Amino acid sequence: MAAPRTNVDEIRSRVILGEFGVRNVHTTEFPGNYPGYDDTWDMQKFQKNFRIDVVHLDESSMEFDMVGIDAAIANAFRRILLAEVPTMAIEKVFIYNNTSIVQDEVLAHRLGLIPIKADPRLFEYRNTGKEEGSEIDTIQLQLKIKCSKNPRASKDSSDPRELYLNHMVYSKDIRWVPIGNQADVFADSSIGPVHDDILIAQLRPGQELDIIMHCVKGIGKDHAKFSPVATASYRLLPEITLLEPVEGEKLPWSRPASCLQMYWSQKPSKFSWPSVRGFSVNWTLLKQCEMITEHAQG
């Protein structure tokens, strides 16, 4: 006996979180799998059903919904963001003077992981084995700083921030040194570290750093420093279905209020889940819902 059409629609389009496991996790929309359904791939149908809804966007983060696409494609986008989108990062570090307590190799590693603000579309990949960079494939940065005593510091003070000058080396101390005609080409661009408050090293009077850095174009698949995102994740948008009306005495104990919105109507009191974007499947919520269920059954 064939399954009802409503059940088939659910199997084809929904991943079900059941009591003992997750069901319908595999893609089954291929031609001939379901009688009465034409699952042949069609470009016009795909363009009609697929859309991207931007939920949140600012300078450091973005959240968007991919509607009408399989979870495997969403995961492919995640992997592309992590490993295939090019950025500029510090590749070579030339240390001319380092009298701090940080070893040269540790200092070079710390510098290499500082994210650089530059449009990679305006640069070319540096050829393998090419030692000297040029204005089309290299950004040159300089870090030159020396710590000294503060002549205006109080004699009784023990605070390094008052006793010393330039004792904390931050990413804001890194300066861009244009190569060739870069000063004219990028006159409107502020090339440099993305964040100004990344601590690089601590110095004491007499210690100094004199470093030249070369940034090149690369992708996260080659090294994590080229990855343009700190994290990239996806999840299926939850859909909560109330199998029966929840009203009366059950209502006060059926509210994970910290996670979901609740809409009230006229008596008898009822509620529904109009928005589940705030729903986060974590241990706290699961325990809360478990206690709610036990209380309601008891």
C-alpha atoms as a PDB file:
ATOM      1  CA  MET A   1       0.000   0.000   0.000  1.00  0.00           C
ATOM      2  CA  ALA A   2       1.400   3.351  -1.046  1.00  0.00           C
ATOM      3  CA  ALA A   3       1.965   5.989   1.588  1.00  0.00           C
ATOM      4  CA  PRO A   4      -0.485   8.929   1.681  1.00  0.00           C
ATOM      5  CA  ARG A   5       0.560  11.887  -0.415  1.00  0.00           C
ATOM      6  CA  THR A   6       0.936  14.100   2.655  1.00  0.00           C
ATOM      7  CA  ASN A   7       3.428  11.618   4.143  1.00  0.00           C
ATOM      8  CA  VAL A   8       5.343  11.460   0.864  1.00  0.00           C
ATOM      9  CA  ASP A   9       5.575  15.261   0.772  1.00  0.00           C
ATOM     10  CA  GLU A  10       6.969  15.207   4.296  1.00  0.00           C
ATOM     11  CA  ILE A  11       9.536  12.531   3.426  1.00  0.00           C
ATOM     12  CA  ARG A  12      10.627  14.427   0.318  1.00  0.00           C
ATOM     13  CA  SER A  13      10.982  17.851   1.924  1.00  0.00           C
ATOM     14  CA  ARG A  14      11.518  17.469   5.681  1.00  0.00           C
ATOM     15  CA  VAL A  15      14.115  16.025   8.041  1.00  0.00           C
ATOM     16  CA  ILE A  16      12.227  14.661  11.037  1.00  0.00           C
ATOM     17  CA  LEU A  17      13.599  14.809  14.579  1.00  0.00           C
ATOM     18  CA  GLY A  18      11.851  11.833  16.159  1.00  0.00           C
ATOM     19  CA  GLU A  19      11.843  10.444  19.668  1.00  0.00           C
ATOM     20  CA  PHE A  20      14.623   7.935  18.969  1.00  0.00           C
ATOM     21  CA  GLY A  21      16.538   9.518  16.118  1.00  0.00           C
ATOM     22  CA  VAL A  22      16.567  11.654  12.991  1.00  0.00           C
ATOM     23  CA  ARG A  23      14.673  10.476   9.904  1.00  0.00           C
ATOM     24  CA  ASN A  24      14.679  11.404   6.212  1.00  0.00           C
ATOM     25  CA  VAL A  25      18.251  12.674   6.225  1.00  0.00           C
ATOM     26  CA  HIS A  26      19.040  11.491   2.689  1.00  0.00           C
ATOM     27  CA  THR A  27      18.090  13.256  -0.526  1.00  0.00           C
ATOM     28  CA  THR A  28      15.519  11.179  -2.403  1.00  0.00           C
ATOM     29  CA  GLU A  29      14.319  13.651  -5.019  1.00  0.00           C
ATOM     30  CA  PHE A  30      15.593  11.925  -8.126  1.00  0.00           C
ATOM     31  CA  PRO A  31      13.545  10.846 -11.182  1.00  0.00           C
ATOM     32  CA  GLY A  32      11.343   7.790 -10.713  1.00  0.00           C
ATOM     33  CA  ASN A  33      11.776   7.448  -6.961  1.00  0.00           C
ATOM     34  CA  TYR A  34       8.222   8.510  -6.116  1.00  0.00           C
ATOM     35  CA  PRO A  35       5.239   7.578  -8.311  1.00  0.00           C
ATOM     36  CA  GLY A  36       3.286  10.617  -9.412  1.00  0.00           C
ATOM     37  CA  TYR A  37       6.165  13.067  -8.922  1.00  0.00           C
ATOM     38  CA  ASP A  38       8.255  14.531 -11.701  1.00  0.00           C
ATOM     39  CA  ASP A  39      11.623  15.040 -10.055  1.00  0.00           C
ATOM     40  CA  THR A  40      13.614  15.688 -13.207  1.00  0.00           C
ATOM     41  CA  TRP A  41      15.885  18.672 -12.664  1.00  0.00           C
ATOM     42  CA  ASP A  42      14.643  21.821 -14.361  1.00  0.00           C
ATOM     43  CA  MET A  43      16.500  25.141 -14.436  1.00  0.00           C
ATOM     44  CA  GLN A  44      13.367  27.292 -14.533  1.00  0.00           C
ATOM     45  CA  LYS A  45      11.835  25.405 -11.612  1.00  0.00           C
ATOM     46  CA  PHE A  46      15.060  25.795  -9.635  1.00  0.00           C
ATOM     47  CA  GLN A  47      15.255  29.534 -10.322  1.00  0.00           C
ATOM     48  CA  LYS A  48      11.634  29.937  -9.258  1.00  0.00           C
ATOM     49  CA  ASN A  49      12.001  28.073  -5.958  1.00  0.00           C
ATOM     50  CA  PHE A  50      15.518  29.085  -4.923  1.00  0.00           C
ATOM     51  CA  ARG A  51      16.177  32.340  -3.106  1.00  0.00           C
ATOM     52  CA  ILE A  52      18.550  33.830  -0.542  1.00  0.00           C
ATOM     53  CA  ASP A  53      17.103  35.891   2.306  1.00  0.00           C
ATOM     54  CA  VAL A  54      19.651  38.019   4.169  1.00  0.00           C
ATOM     55  CA  VAL A  55      18.689  37.994   7.853  1.00  0.00           C
ATOM     56  CA  HIS A  56      21.616  39.913   9.337  1.00  0.00           C
ATOM     57  CA  LEU A  57      24.553  41.749   7.801  1.00  0.00           C
ATOM     58  CA  ASP A  58      27.230  43.961   9.314  1.00  0.00           C
ATOM     59  CA  GLU A  59      30.962  44.522   8.948  1.00  0.00           C
ATOM     60  CA  SER A  60      31.965  41.345  10.767  1.00  0.00           C
ATOM     61  CA  SER A  61      29.138  38.824  10.358  1.00  0.00           C
ATOM     62  CA  MET A  62      26.371  37.698   8.042  1.00  0.00           C
ATOM     63  CA  GLU A  63      23.390  35.397   8.462  1.00  0.00           C
ATOM     64  CA  PHE A  64      21.250  34.351   5.524  1.00  0.00           C
ATOM     65  CA  ASP A  65      18.677  31.718   4.584  1.00  0.00           C
ATOM     66  CA  MET A  66      19.087  29.538   1.507  1.00  0.00           C
ATOM     67  CA  VAL A  67      15.565  28.495   0.534  1.00  0.00           C
ATOM     68  CA  GLY A  68      14.805  25.776  -1.988  1.00  0.00           C
ATOM     69  CA  ILE A  69      18.172  24.029  -1.852  1.00  0.00           C
ATOM     70  CA  ASP A  70      19.464  20.751  -0.489  1.00  0.00           C
ATOM     71  CA  ALA A  71      21.481  20.701   2.735  1.00  0.00           C
ATOM     72  CA  ALA A  72      24.462  19.276   0.863  1.00  0.00           C
ATOM     73  CA  ILE A  73      24.624  22.422  -1.294  1.00  0.00           C
ATOM     74  CA  ALA A  74      24.434  24.616   1.816  1.00  0.00           C
ATOM     75  CA  ASN A  75      27.351  22.656   3.260  1.00  0.00           C
ATOM     76  CA  ALA A  76      29.248  23.148  -0.004  1.00  0.00           C
ATOM     77  CA  PHE A  77      28.828  26.915   0.390  1.00  0.00           C
ATOM     78  CA  ARG A  78      30.188  26.633   3.927  1.00  0.00           C
ATOM     79  CA  ARG A  79      33.253  24.744   2.722  1.00  0.00           C
ATOM     80  CA  ILE A  80      33.790  27.239  -0.099  1.00  0.00           C
ATOM     81  CA  LEU A  81      33.734  30.134   2.368  1.00  0.00           C
ATOM     82  CA  LEU A  82      36.314  28.396   4.537  1.00  0.00           C
ATOM     83  CA  ALA A  83      38.709  27.118   1.905  1.00  0.00           C
ATOM     84  CA  GLU A  84      38.166  28.614  -1.544  1.00  0.00           C
ATOM     85  CA  VAL A  85      37.582  32.367  -1.138  1.00  0.00           C
ATOM     86  CA  PRO A  86      40.911  34.223  -1.596  1.00  0.00           C
ATOM     87  CA  THR A  87      42.247  36.855   0.796  1.00  0.00           C
ATOM     88  CA  MET A  88      45.509  38.671   1.447  1.00  0.00           C
ATOM     89  CA  ALA A  89      47.672  37.455   4.338  1.00  0.00           C
ATOM     90  CA  ILE A  90      51.238  37.867   5.585  1.00  0.00           C
ATOM     91  CA  GLU A  91      53.429  35.264   3.894  1.00  0.00           C
ATOM     92  CA  LYS A  92      57.008  36.468   4.435  1.00  0.00           C
ATOM     93  CA  VAL A  93      58.417  38.191   7.530  1.00  0.00           C
ATOM     94  CA  PHE A  94      61.827  39.874   7.389  1.00  0.00           C
ATOM     95  CA  ILE A  95      63.065  40.528  10.930  1.00  0.00           C
ATOM     96  CA  TYR A  96      65.876  43.099  10.957  1.00  0.00           C
ATOM     97  CA  ASN A  97      65.841  43.638  14.695  1.00  0.00           C
ATOM     98  CA  ASN A  98      64.021  41.872  17.507  1.00  0.00           C
ATOM     99  CA  THR A  99      65.280  42.433  21.036  1.00  0.00           C
ATOM    100  CA  SER A 100      62.018  41.445  22.724  1.00  0.00           C
ATOM    101  CA  ILE A 101      61.597  38.210  24.682  1.00  0.00           C
ATOM    102  CA  VAL A 102      59.477  36.746  21.863  1.00  0.00           C
ATOM    103  CA  GLN A 103      61.472  34.408  19.619  1.00  0.00           C
ATOM    104  CA  ASP A 104      61.705  35.285  15.934  1.00  0.00           C
ATOM    105  CA  GLU A 105      59.759  32.232  14.767  1.00  0.00           C
ATOM    106  CA  VAL A 106      56.972  32.786  17.320  1.00  0.00           C
ATOM    107  CA  LEU A 107      56.750  36.452  16.395  1.00  0.00           C
ATOM    108  CA  ALA A 108      56.580  35.612  12.677  1.00  0.00           C
ATOM    109  CA  HIS A 109      53.790  33.112  13.357  1.00  0.00           C
ATOM    110  CA  ARG A 110      51.781  35.667  15.352  1.00  0.00           C
ATOM    111  CA  LEU A 111      52.151  38.237  12.596  1.00  0.00           C
ATOM    112  CA  GLY A 112      51.098  35.744   9.928  1.00  0.00           C
ATOM    113  CA  LEU A 113      47.734  35.153  11.596  1.00  0.00           C
ATOM    114  CA  ILE A 114      46.748  38.838  11.738  1.00  0.00           C
ATOM    115  CA  PRO A 115      43.864  39.377   9.261  1.00  0.00           C
ATOM    116  CA  ILE A 116      44.665  41.973   6.595  1.00  0.00           C
ATOM    117  CA  LYS A 117      42.116  44.406   5.168  1.00  0.00           C
ATOM    118  CA  ALA A 118      42.674  44.509   1.393  1.00  0.00           C
ATOM    119  CA  ASP A 119      40.592  43.626  -1.656  1.00  0.00           C
ATOM    120  CA  PRO A 120      42.120  40.428  -3.111  1.00  0.00           C
ATOM    121  CA  ARG A 121      40.385  41.024  -6.457  1.00  0.00           C
ATOM    122  CA  LEU A 122      42.854  43.838  -7.120  1.00  0.00           C
ATOM    123  CA  PHE A 123      45.891  41.558  -6.777  1.00  0.00           C
ATOM    124  CA  GLU A 124      47.309  38.584  -8.641  1.00  0.00           C
ATOM    125  CA  TYR A 125      48.629  35.333  -7.210  1.00  0.00           C
ATOM    126  CA  ARG A 126      52.390  35.405  -6.762  1.00  0.00           C
ATOM    127  CA  ASN A 127      54.211  32.926  -8.986  1.00  0.00           C
ATOM    128  CA  THR A 128      55.695  29.917  -7.223  1.00  0.00           C
ATOM    129  CA  GLY A 129      59.352  30.419  -6.430  1.00  0.00           C
ATOM    130  CA  LYS A 130      59.244  34.163  -7.015  1.00  0.00           C
ATOM    131  CA  GLU A 131      61.274  35.816  -4.269  1.00  0.00           C
ATOM    132  CA  GLU A 132      60.728  39.481  -5.093  1.00  0.00           C
ATOM    133  CA  GLY A 133      57.202  40.858  -4.979  1.00  0.00           C
ATOM    134  CA  SER A 134      55.707  43.565  -7.158  1.00  0.00           C
ATOM    135  CA  GLU A 135      52.876  46.062  -6.901  1.00  0.00           C
ATOM    136  CA  ILE A 136      50.451  43.643  -8.572  1.00  0.00           C
ATOM    137  CA  ASP A 137      50.940  40.679  -6.223  1.00  0.00           C
ATOM    138  CA  THR A 138      52.392  41.974  -2.931  1.00  0.00           C
ATOM    139  CA  ILE A 139      51.442  44.281  -0.068  1.00  0.00           C
ATOM    140  CA  GLN A 140      54.335  45.492   2.064  1.00  0.00           C
ATOM    141  CA  LEU A 141      53.817  46.269   5.749  1.00  0.00           C
ATOM    142  CA  GLN A 142      56.254  47.579   8.327  1.00  0.00           C
ATOM    143  CA  LEU A 143      56.411  47.291  12.100  1.00  0.00           C
ATOM    144  CA  LYS A 144      59.034  49.551  13.653  1.00  0.00           C
ATOM    145  CA  ILE A 145      58.680  50.431  17.308  1.00  0.00           C
ATOM    146  CA  LYS A 146      60.915  50.968  20.338  1.00  0.00           C
ATOM    147  CA  CYS A 147      60.053  51.050  24.016  1.00  0.00           C
ATOM    148  CA  SER A 148      61.406  53.805  26.261  1.00  0.00           C
ATOM    149  CA  LYS A 149      60.870  55.198  29.731  1.00  0.00           C
ATOM    150  CA  ASN A 150      58.229  57.832  30.254  1.00  0.00           C
ATOM    151  CA  PRO A 151      59.994  60.934  31.618  1.00  0.00           C
ATOM    152  CA  ARG A 152      56.706  62.233  33.003  1.00  0.00           C
ATOM    153  CA  ALA A 153      55.895  59.101  35.007  1.00  0.00           C
ATOM    154  CA  SER A 154      55.425  59.372  38.753  1.00  0.00           C
ATOM    155  CA  LYS A 155      58.314  58.059  40.844  1.00  0.00           C
ATOM    156  CA  ASP A 156      55.948  56.035  43.023  1.00  0.00           C
ATOM    157  CA  SER A 157      54.054  54.478  40.124  1.00  0.00           C
ATOM    158  CA  SER A 158      54.333  50.760  39.342  1.00  0.00           C
ATOM    159  CA  ASP A 159      51.929  50.704  36.407  1.00  0.00           C
ATOM    160  CA  PRO A 160      53.754  49.805  33.160  1.00  0.00           C
ATOM    161  CA  ARG A 161      51.233  51.864  31.203  1.00  0.00           C
ATOM    162  CA  GLU A 162      52.483  54.942  33.036  1.00  0.00           C
ATOM    163  CA  LEU A 163      56.152  54.021  33.373  1.00  0.00           C
ATOM    164  CA  TYR A 164      56.858  53.086  29.751  1.00  0.00           C
ATOM    165  CA  LEU A 165      56.119  54.350  26.264  1.00  0.00           C
ATOM    166  CA  ASN A 166      55.245  51.878  23.486  1.00  0.00           C
ATOM    167  CA  HIS A 167      55.549  48.895  25.821  1.00  0.00           C
ATOM    168  CA  MET A 168      52.491  47.193  24.284  1.00  0.00           C
ATOM    169  CA  VAL A 169      52.822  46.428  20.575  1.00  0.00           C
ATOM    170  CA  TYR A 170      49.445  46.192  18.845  1.00  0.00           C
ATOM    171  CA  SER A 171      48.394  45.562  15.277  1.00  0.00           C
ATOM    172  CA  LYS A 172      47.598  49.282  14.976  1.00  0.00           C
ATOM    173  CA  ASP A 173      51.376  49.886  14.993  1.00  0.00           C
ATOM    174  CA  ILE A 174      51.717  48.106  11.642  1.00  0.00           C
ATOM    175  CA  ARG A 175      52.034  50.555   8.735  1.00  0.00           C
ATOM    176  CA  TRP A 176      51.448  50.040   5.034  1.00  0.00           C
ATOM    177  CA  VAL A 177      54.449  50.786   2.791  1.00  0.00           C
ATOM    178  CA  PRO A 178      53.252  51.190  -0.841  1.00  0.00           C
ATOM    179  CA  ILE A 179      55.184  49.431  -3.600  1.00  0.00           C
ATOM    180  CA  GLY A 180      55.487  51.076  -7.011  1.00  0.00           C
ATOM    181  CA  ASN A 181      52.293  52.949  -7.896  1.00  0.00           C
ATOM    182  CA  GLN A 182      50.181  51.428  -5.103  1.00  0.00           C
ATOM    183  CA  ALA A 183      49.907  54.799  -3.347  1.00  0.00           C
ATOM    184  CA  ASP A 184      47.981  56.154  -6.350  1.00  0.00           C
ATOM    185  CA  VAL A 185      45.993  52.994  -7.134  1.00  0.00           C
ATOM    186  CA  PHE A 186      44.839  52.463  -3.540  1.00  0.00           C
ATOM    187  CA  ALA A 187      44.595  56.111  -2.535  1.00  0.00           C
ATOM    188  CA  ASP A 188      41.026  55.598  -1.291  1.00  0.00           C
ATOM    189  CA  SER A 189      41.747  52.274   0.430  1.00  0.00           C
ATOM    190  CA  SER A 190      42.895  51.846   4.010  1.00  0.00           C
ATOM    191  CA  ILE A 191      45.151  48.812   3.690  1.00  0.00           C
ATOM    192  CA  GLY A 192      46.270  47.333   6.994  1.00  0.00           C
ATOM    193  CA  PRO A 193      45.163  45.000   9.784  1.00  0.00           C
ATOM    194  CA  VAL A 194      41.422  44.420  10.121  1.00  0.00           C
ATOM    195  CA  HIS A 195      41.556  44.964  13.897  1.00  0.00           C
ATOM    196  CA  ASP A 196      43.740  47.507  15.663  1.00  0.00           C
ATOM    197  CA  ASP A 197      43.747  45.891  19.113  1.00  0.00           C
ATOM    198  CA  ILE A 198      45.541  42.584  18.430  1.00  0.00           C
ATOM    199  CA  LEU A 199      48.409  42.270  20.924  1.00  0.00           C
ATOM    200  CA  ILE A 200      51.660  41.243  19.229  1.00  0.00           C
ATOM    201  CA  ALA A 201      54.323  41.600  21.939  1.00  0.00           C
ATOM    202  CA  GLN A 202      55.279  43.410  25.137  1.00  0.00           C
ATOM    203  CA  LEU A 203      58.469  45.435  25.369  1.00  0.00           C
ATOM    204  CA  ARG A 204      60.596  47.028  28.048  1.00  0.00           C
ATOM    205  CA  PRO A 205      62.867  50.096  27.748  1.00  0.00           C
ATOM    206  CA  GLY A 206      65.578  49.535  25.163  1.00  0.00           C
ATOM    207  CA  GLN A 207      63.782  46.685  23.387  1.00  0.00           C
ATOM    208  CA  GLU A 208      62.618  47.261  19.820  1.00  0.00           C
ATOM    209  CA  LEU A 209      61.139  45.631  16.738  1.00  0.00           C
ATOM    210  CA  ASP A 210      62.083  46.377  13.136  1.00  0.00           C
ATOM    211  CA  ILE A 211      60.168  44.119  10.768  1.00  0.00           C
ATOM    212  CA  ILE A 212      59.076  44.124   7.116  1.00  0.00           C
ATOM    213  CA  MET A 213      56.157  41.889   6.056  1.00  0.00           C
ATOM    214  CA  HIS A 214      54.986  40.815   2.605  1.00  0.00           C
ATOM    215  CA  CYS A 215      51.323  39.931   2.091  1.00  0.00           C
ATOM    216  CA  VAL A 216      50.282  37.721  -0.820  1.00  0.00           C
ATOM    217  CA  LYS A 217      47.042  36.332  -2.193  1.00  0.00           C
ATOM    218  CA  GLY A 218      45.982  32.833  -1.171  1.00  0.00           C
ATOM    219  CA  ILE A 219      43.111  30.548  -0.145  1.00  0.00           C
ATOM    220  CA  GLY A 220      42.272  28.755   3.082  1.00  0.00           C
ATOM    221  CA  LYS A 221      42.893  25.346   1.503  1.00  0.00           C
ATOM    222  CA  ASP A 222      46.599  26.200   1.435  1.00  0.00           C
ATOM    223  CA  HIS A 223      46.768  27.759   4.919  1.00  0.00           C
ATOM    224  CA  ALA A 224      44.193  28.770   7.526  1.00  0.00           C
ATOM    225  CA  LYS A 225      45.560  32.327   7.629  1.00  0.00           C
ATOM    226  CA  PHE A 226      44.002  32.912   4.193  1.00  0.00           C
ATOM    227  CA  SER A 227      40.513  31.867   5.335  1.00  0.00           C
ATOM    228  CA  PRO A 228      38.226  34.931   5.189  1.00  0.00           C
ATOM    229  CA  VAL A 229      35.904  33.697   7.957  1.00  0.00           C
ATOM    230  CA  ALA A 230      36.565  32.725  11.544  1.00  0.00           C
ATOM    231  CA  THR A 231      33.607  30.325  11.561  1.00  0.00           C
ATOM    232  CA  ALA A 232      31.077  29.271   8.950  1.00  0.00           C
ATOM    233  CA  SER A 233      28.195  26.977   9.848  1.00  0.00           C
ATOM    234  CA  TYR A 234      24.760  26.024   8.633  1.00  0.00           C
ATOM    235  CA  ARG A 235      21.709  24.344  10.081  1.00  0.00           C
ATOM    236  CA  LEU A 236      18.264  23.347   8.934  1.00  0.00           C
ATOM    237  CA  LEU A 237      15.574  25.859   9.843  1.00  0.00           C
ATOM    238  CA  PRO A 238      13.411  24.196  12.528  1.00  0.00           C
ATOM    239  CA  GLU A 239       9.710  23.683  11.904  1.00  0.00           C
ATOM    240  CA  ILE A 240       7.637  22.862  14.983  1.00  0.00           C
ATOM    241  CA  THR A 241       4.281  21.177  14.411  1.00  0.00           C
ATOM    242  CA  LEU A 242       1.755  20.962  17.250  1.00  0.00           C
ATOM    243  CA  LEU A 243       0.092  17.556  16.863  1.00  0.00           C
ATOM    244  CA  GLU A 244      -2.827  18.596  19.058  1.00  0.00           C
ATOM    245  CA  PRO A 245      -4.145  21.831  20.559  1.00  0.00           C
ATOM    246  CA  VAL A 246      -2.353  22.927  23.726  1.00  0.00           C
ATOM    247  CA  GLU A 247      -4.711  24.879  25.927  1.00  0.00           C
ATOM    248  CA  GLY A 248      -6.112  25.210  29.388  1.00  0.00           C
ATOM    249  CA  GLU A 249      -4.060  23.708  32.229  1.00  0.00           C
ATOM    250  CA  LYS A 250      -1.315  22.423  29.915  1.00  0.00           C
ATOM    251  CA  LEU A 251      -0.505  25.891  28.642  1.00  0.00           C
ATOM    252  CA  PRO A 252       1.678  27.257  31.491  1.00  0.00           C
ATOM    253  CA  TRP A 253       3.931  24.167  31.386  1.00  0.00           C
ATOM    254  CA  SER A 254       4.386  24.115  27.620  1.00  0.00           C
ATOM    255  CA  ARG A 255       6.417  27.226  27.115  1.00  0.00           C
ATOM    256  CA  PRO A 256      10.166  27.247  26.465  1.00  0.00           C
ATOM    257  CA  ALA A 257       9.854  31.021  26.635  1.00  0.00           C
ATOM    258  CA  SER A 258      13.556  31.699  26.334  1.00  0.00           C
ATOM    259  CA  CYS A 259      13.651  30.107  22.887  1.00  0.00           C
ATOM    260  CA  LEU A 260      10.370  30.693  21.119  1.00  0.00           C
ATOM    261  CA  GLN A 261       7.839  33.428  20.681  1.00  0.00           C
ATOM    262  CA  MET A 262       4.351  32.824  22.023  1.00  0.00           C
ATOM    263  CA  TYR A 263       1.150  34.242  20.619  1.00  0.00           C
ATOM    264  CA  TRP A 264      -1.914  34.501  22.815  1.00  0.00           C
ATOM    265  CA  SER A 265      -5.482  34.456  21.555  1.00  0.00           C
ATOM    266  CA  GLN A 266      -8.929  34.692  23.101  1.00  0.00           C
ATOM    267  CA  LYS A 267     -10.108  32.193  25.712  1.00  0.00           C
ATOM    268  CA  PRO A 268      -9.537  29.318  25.931  1.00  0.00           C
ATOM    269  CA  SER A 269      -5.862  30.212  25.936  1.00  0.00           C
ATOM    270  CA  LYS A 270      -3.877  28.721  23.071  1.00  0.00           C
ATOM    271  CA  PHE A 271      -0.482  29.317  21.574  1.00  0.00           C
ATOM    272  CA  SER A 272       1.499  28.511  18.447  1.00  0.00           C
ATOM    273  CA  TRP A 273       5.056  28.834  17.135  1.00  0.00           C
ATOM    274  CA  PRO A 274       5.035  31.700  14.598  1.00  0.00           C
ATOM    275  CA  SER A 275       8.829  32.009  14.479  1.00  0.00           C
ATOM    276  CA  VAL A 276      11.449  29.395  15.254  1.00  0.00           C
ATOM    277  CA  ARG A 277      14.600  31.273  14.277  1.00  0.00           C
ATOM    278  CA  GLY A 278      15.520  31.622  17.949  1.00  0.00           C
ATOM    279  CA  PHE A 279      15.183  27.878  18.481  1.00  0.00           C
ATOM    280  CA  SER A 280      18.578  26.435  19.384  1.00  0.00           C
ATOM    281  CA  VAL A 281      18.909  22.710  19.965  1.00  0.00           C
ATOM    282  CA  ASN A 282      21.199  22.678  22.968  1.00  0.00           C
ATOM    283  CA  TRP A 283      21.369  20.651  26.140  1.00  0.00           C
ATOM    284  CA  THR A 284      19.672  23.320  28.260  1.00  0.00           C
ATOM    285  CA  LEU A 285      16.653  23.440  25.970  1.00  0.00           C
ATOM    286  CA  LEU A 286      16.404  19.651  25.730  1.00  0.00           C
ATOM    287  CA  LYS A 287      16.458  19.306  29.516  1.00  0.00           C
ATOM    288  CA  GLN A 288      13.894  22.083  29.824  1.00  0.00           C
ATOM    289  CA  CYS A 289      11.553  20.426  27.344  1.00  0.00           C
ATOM    290  CA  GLU A 290      12.107  17.062  29.066  1.00  0.00           C
ATOM    291  CA  MET A 291      11.070  18.518  32.417  1.00  0.00           C
ATOM    292  CA  ILE A 292       8.075  20.168  30.772  1.00  0.00           C
ATOM    293  CA  THR A 293       6.972  16.845  29.286  1.00  0.00           C
ATOM    294  CA  GLU A 294       7.390  14.993  32.591  1.00  0.00           C
ATOM    295  CA  HIS A 295       5.409  17.662  34.437  1.00  0.00           C
ATOM    296  CA  ALA A 296       2.606  17.619  31.875  1.00  0.00           C
ATOM    297  CA  GLN A 297       2.389  13.809  31.919  1.00  0.00           C
ATOM    298  CA  GLY A 298       2.502  13.703  35.712  1.00  0.00           C
END
